[in-house]
Every structure is written in C-alpha cells, then in structure tokens.
Amino acid sequence: MNRFPQYRVYVTFEAPFWRVRLGDFSNRGAADAAMAEVRRAIPSLGADLRVVRCTINNR
C-alpha cells in the first residue's frame, strides 16, 4: 500500500491463499500497465502477478 498509494488495495483470504488485489481499472490496458509498474518495482513477484476480471468497487 505504501509503494503504490495511487491504487486501492484489497486483501482477502481464500484458503489456503492470501490474495492482494490492486486498483479499480475500467479496462484491461490500464490493468496491464499497473501490473507492469508493479513488476518493475518488485521483480520477485513477477511470476505470481495476474490480471483478473472481477467487480471490486462500483463508483
């Protein structure tokens, strides 16, 4: 949350995994760009990052 304050962060537990969802994106391109930004900032997470479609926050 501290490294990416421009995005809302959602943390959930779905046994047996903790899931961290980042941001509220209106299209795939914006989500891919954010994922690339996170991948550059934290390369060790690269293989674990995915873009998933879901309804997180209706504004």
N, C-alpha and C. Protein backbone atom coordinates (compact mmCIF):
# COMPACT_ATOMS: atom_id res chain seq x y z
N MET A 1 0.82 -1.20 0.00
CA MET A 1 0.00 0.00 0.00
C MET A 1 0.86 1.26 0.00
N ASN A 2 1.97 1.20 0.72
CA ASN A 2 2.85 2.36 0.79
C ASN A 2 3.58 2.62 -0.52
N ARG A 3 3.90 1.56 -1.26
CA ARG A 3 4.66 1.73 -2.50
C ARG A 3 3.80 2.20 -3.66
N PHE A 4 2.49 1.94 -3.59
CA PHE A 4 1.59 2.31 -4.68
C PHE A 4 0.35 3.02 -4.13
N PRO A 5 0.51 4.19 -3.54
CA PRO A 5 -0.63 4.87 -2.91
C PRO A 5 -1.70 5.33 -3.90
N GLN A 6 -1.38 5.35 -5.18
CA GLN A 6 -2.35 5.77 -6.19
C GLN A 6 -3.41 4.71 -6.46
N TYR A 7 -3.22 3.49 -5.95
CA TYR A 7 -4.16 2.40 -6.18
C TYR A 7 -4.79 1.96 -4.85
N ARG A 8 -6.06 1.60 -4.91
CA ARG A 8 -6.69 0.97 -3.74
C ARG A 8 -6.21 -0.46 -3.68
N VAL A 9 -6.04 -0.96 -2.47
CA VAL A 9 -5.54 -2.32 -2.26
C VAL A 9 -6.60 -3.10 -1.50
N TYR A 10 -6.89 -4.31 -1.97
CA TYR A 10 -7.87 -5.20 -1.35
C TYR A 10 -7.17 -6.50 -0.97
N VAL A 11 -7.21 -6.85 0.30
CA VAL A 11 -6.56 -8.07 0.78
C VAL A 11 -7.65 -9.00 1.28
N THR A 12 -7.64 -10.24 0.76
CA THR A 12 -8.63 -11.25 1.19
C THR A 12 -7.92 -12.57 1.44
N PHE A 13 -8.55 -13.41 2.22
CA PHE A 13 -8.04 -14.75 2.44
C PHE A 13 -9.00 -15.73 1.80
N GLU A 14 -8.51 -16.48 0.82
CA GLU A 14 -9.28 -17.55 0.16
C GLU A 14 -8.44 -18.80 0.33
N ALA A 15 -8.79 -19.59 1.33
CA ALA A 15 -7.98 -20.74 1.75
C ALA A 15 -7.49 -21.55 0.56
N PRO A 16 -6.24 -21.87 0.54
CA PRO A 16 -5.20 -21.61 1.54
C PRO A 16 -4.35 -20.38 1.22
N PHE A 17 -4.86 -19.44 0.42
CA PHE A 17 -4.04 -18.33 -0.05
C PHE A 17 -4.56 -16.98 0.41
N TRP A 18 -3.63 -16.08 0.65
CA TRP A 18 -3.96 -14.67 0.79
C TRP A 18 -3.91 -14.08 -0.62
N ARG A 19 -4.86 -13.25 -0.94
CA ARG A 19 -4.88 -12.60 -2.26
C ARG A 19 -4.84 -11.10 -2.07
N VAL A 20 -4.04 -10.45 -2.90
CA VAL A 20 -3.94 -9.00 -2.87
C VAL A 20 -4.38 -8.50 -4.23
N ARG A 21 -5.40 -7.69 -4.23
CA ARG A 21 -5.89 -7.11 -5.48
C ARG A 21 -5.59 -5.63 -5.44
N LEU A 22 -5.14 -5.11 -6.56
CA LEU A 22 -4.66 -3.74 -6.63
C LEU A 22 -5.46 -2.97 -7.65
N GLY A 23 -6.10 -1.90 -7.22
CA GLY A 23 -6.72 -0.97 -8.13
C GLY A 23 -8.12 -1.31 -8.59
N ASP A 24 -8.73 -0.30 -9.18
CA ASP A 24 -10.06 -0.39 -9.79
C ASP A 24 -9.88 0.10 -11.22
N PHE A 25 -9.71 -0.80 -12.16
CA PHE A 25 -9.41 -0.43 -13.53
C PHE A 25 -10.63 -0.64 -14.41
N SER A 26 -10.86 0.29 -15.32
CA SER A 26 -12.03 0.19 -16.19
C SER A 26 -11.76 -0.60 -17.45
N ASN A 27 -10.46 -0.89 -17.74
CA ASN A 27 -10.17 -1.68 -18.93
C ASN A 27 -8.88 -2.47 -18.73
N ARG A 28 -8.69 -3.45 -19.56
CA ARG A 28 -7.56 -4.36 -19.47
C ARG A 28 -6.22 -3.63 -19.67
N GLY A 29 -6.18 -2.67 -20.55
CA GLY A 29 -4.95 -1.93 -20.81
C GLY A 29 -4.43 -1.22 -19.57
N ALA A 30 -5.33 -0.60 -18.82
CA ALA A 30 -4.93 0.10 -17.59
C ALA A 30 -4.43 -0.90 -16.54
N ALA A 31 -5.10 -2.05 -16.46
CA ALA A 31 -4.67 -3.09 -15.51
C ALA A 31 -3.31 -3.65 -15.90
N ASP A 32 -3.10 -3.88 -17.18
CA ASP A 32 -1.79 -4.38 -17.65
C ASP A 32 -0.68 -3.37 -17.36
N ALA A 33 -0.97 -2.09 -17.54
CA ALA A 33 0.04 -1.06 -17.28
C ALA A 33 0.40 -1.02 -15.79
N ALA A 34 -0.58 -1.14 -14.93
CA ALA A 34 -0.32 -1.16 -13.49
C ALA A 34 0.47 -2.40 -13.10
N MET A 35 0.13 -3.54 -13.71
CA MET A 35 0.86 -4.77 -13.41
C MET A 35 2.32 -4.64 -13.84
N ALA A 36 2.57 -4.02 -14.98
CA ALA A 36 3.94 -3.81 -15.44
C ALA A 36 4.69 -2.90 -14.48
N GLU A 37 4.02 -1.89 -13.95
CA GLU A 37 4.64 -0.99 -12.97
C GLU A 37 5.03 -1.75 -11.70
N VAL A 38 4.14 -2.59 -11.22
CA VAL A 38 4.43 -3.40 -10.02
C VAL A 38 5.56 -4.38 -10.31
N ARG A 39 5.53 -4.99 -11.47
CA ARG A 39 6.57 -5.95 -11.86
C ARG A 39 7.95 -5.30 -11.92
N ARG A 40 8.01 -4.07 -12.40
CA ARG A 40 9.29 -3.34 -12.44
C ARG A 40 9.76 -2.99 -11.02
N ALA A 41 8.83 -2.61 -10.16
CA ALA A 41 9.18 -2.18 -8.80
C ALA A 41 9.54 -3.35 -7.90
N ILE A 42 8.88 -4.51 -8.11
CA ILE A 42 9.11 -5.68 -7.26
C ILE A 42 9.29 -6.90 -8.16
N PRO A 43 10.44 -7.06 -8.77
CA PRO A 43 10.66 -8.13 -9.76
C PRO A 43 10.44 -9.54 -9.20
N SER A 44 10.64 -9.75 -7.91
CA SER A 44 10.47 -11.09 -7.35
C SER A 44 9.02 -11.57 -7.40
N LEU A 45 8.07 -10.67 -7.59
CA LEU A 45 6.66 -11.06 -7.68
C LEU A 45 6.23 -11.39 -9.11
N GLY A 46 7.08 -11.14 -10.06
CA GLY A 46 6.73 -11.24 -11.47
C GLY A 46 5.93 -12.46 -11.88
N ALA A 47 6.35 -13.65 -11.45
CA ALA A 47 5.68 -14.88 -11.87
C ALA A 47 4.33 -15.06 -11.19
N ASP A 48 4.09 -14.36 -10.11
CA ASP A 48 2.84 -14.53 -9.36
C ASP A 48 1.78 -13.51 -9.70
N LEU A 49 2.10 -12.54 -10.53
CA LEU A 49 1.14 -11.49 -10.85
C LEU A 49 0.21 -11.92 -11.98
N ARG A 50 -1.07 -11.58 -11.82
CA ARG A 50 -2.09 -11.89 -12.83
C ARG A 50 -3.08 -10.75 -12.88
N VAL A 51 -3.66 -10.53 -14.03
CA VAL A 51 -4.80 -9.62 -14.15
C VAL A 51 -6.04 -10.50 -14.11
N VAL A 52 -6.95 -10.19 -13.20
CA VAL A 52 -8.20 -10.94 -13.08
C VAL A 52 -9.37 -9.99 -13.22
N ARG A 53 -10.40 -10.45 -13.87
CA ARG A 53 -11.60 -9.64 -14.03
C ARG A 53 -12.52 -9.93 -12.86
N CYS A 54 -12.92 -8.86 -12.18
CA CYS A 54 -13.88 -9.01 -11.09
C CYS A 54 -14.44 -7.63 -10.78
N THR A 55 -15.56 -7.61 -10.10
CA THR A 55 -16.14 -6.36 -9.65
C THR A 55 -15.64 -6.13 -8.23
N ILE A 56 -14.85 -5.08 -8.07
CA ILE A 56 -14.30 -4.79 -6.76
C ILE A 56 -15.00 -3.59 -6.16
N ASN A 57 -15.06 -2.51 -6.89
CA ASN A 57 -15.57 -1.28 -6.33
C ASN A 57 -16.41 -0.56 -7.37
N ASN A 58 -17.71 -0.52 -7.16
CA ASN A 58 -18.57 0.26 -8.06
C ASN A 58 -18.62 1.68 -7.56
N ARG A 59 -18.27 2.59 -8.43
CA ARG A 59 -18.28 4.01 -8.03
C ARG A 59 -19.47 4.70 -8.60
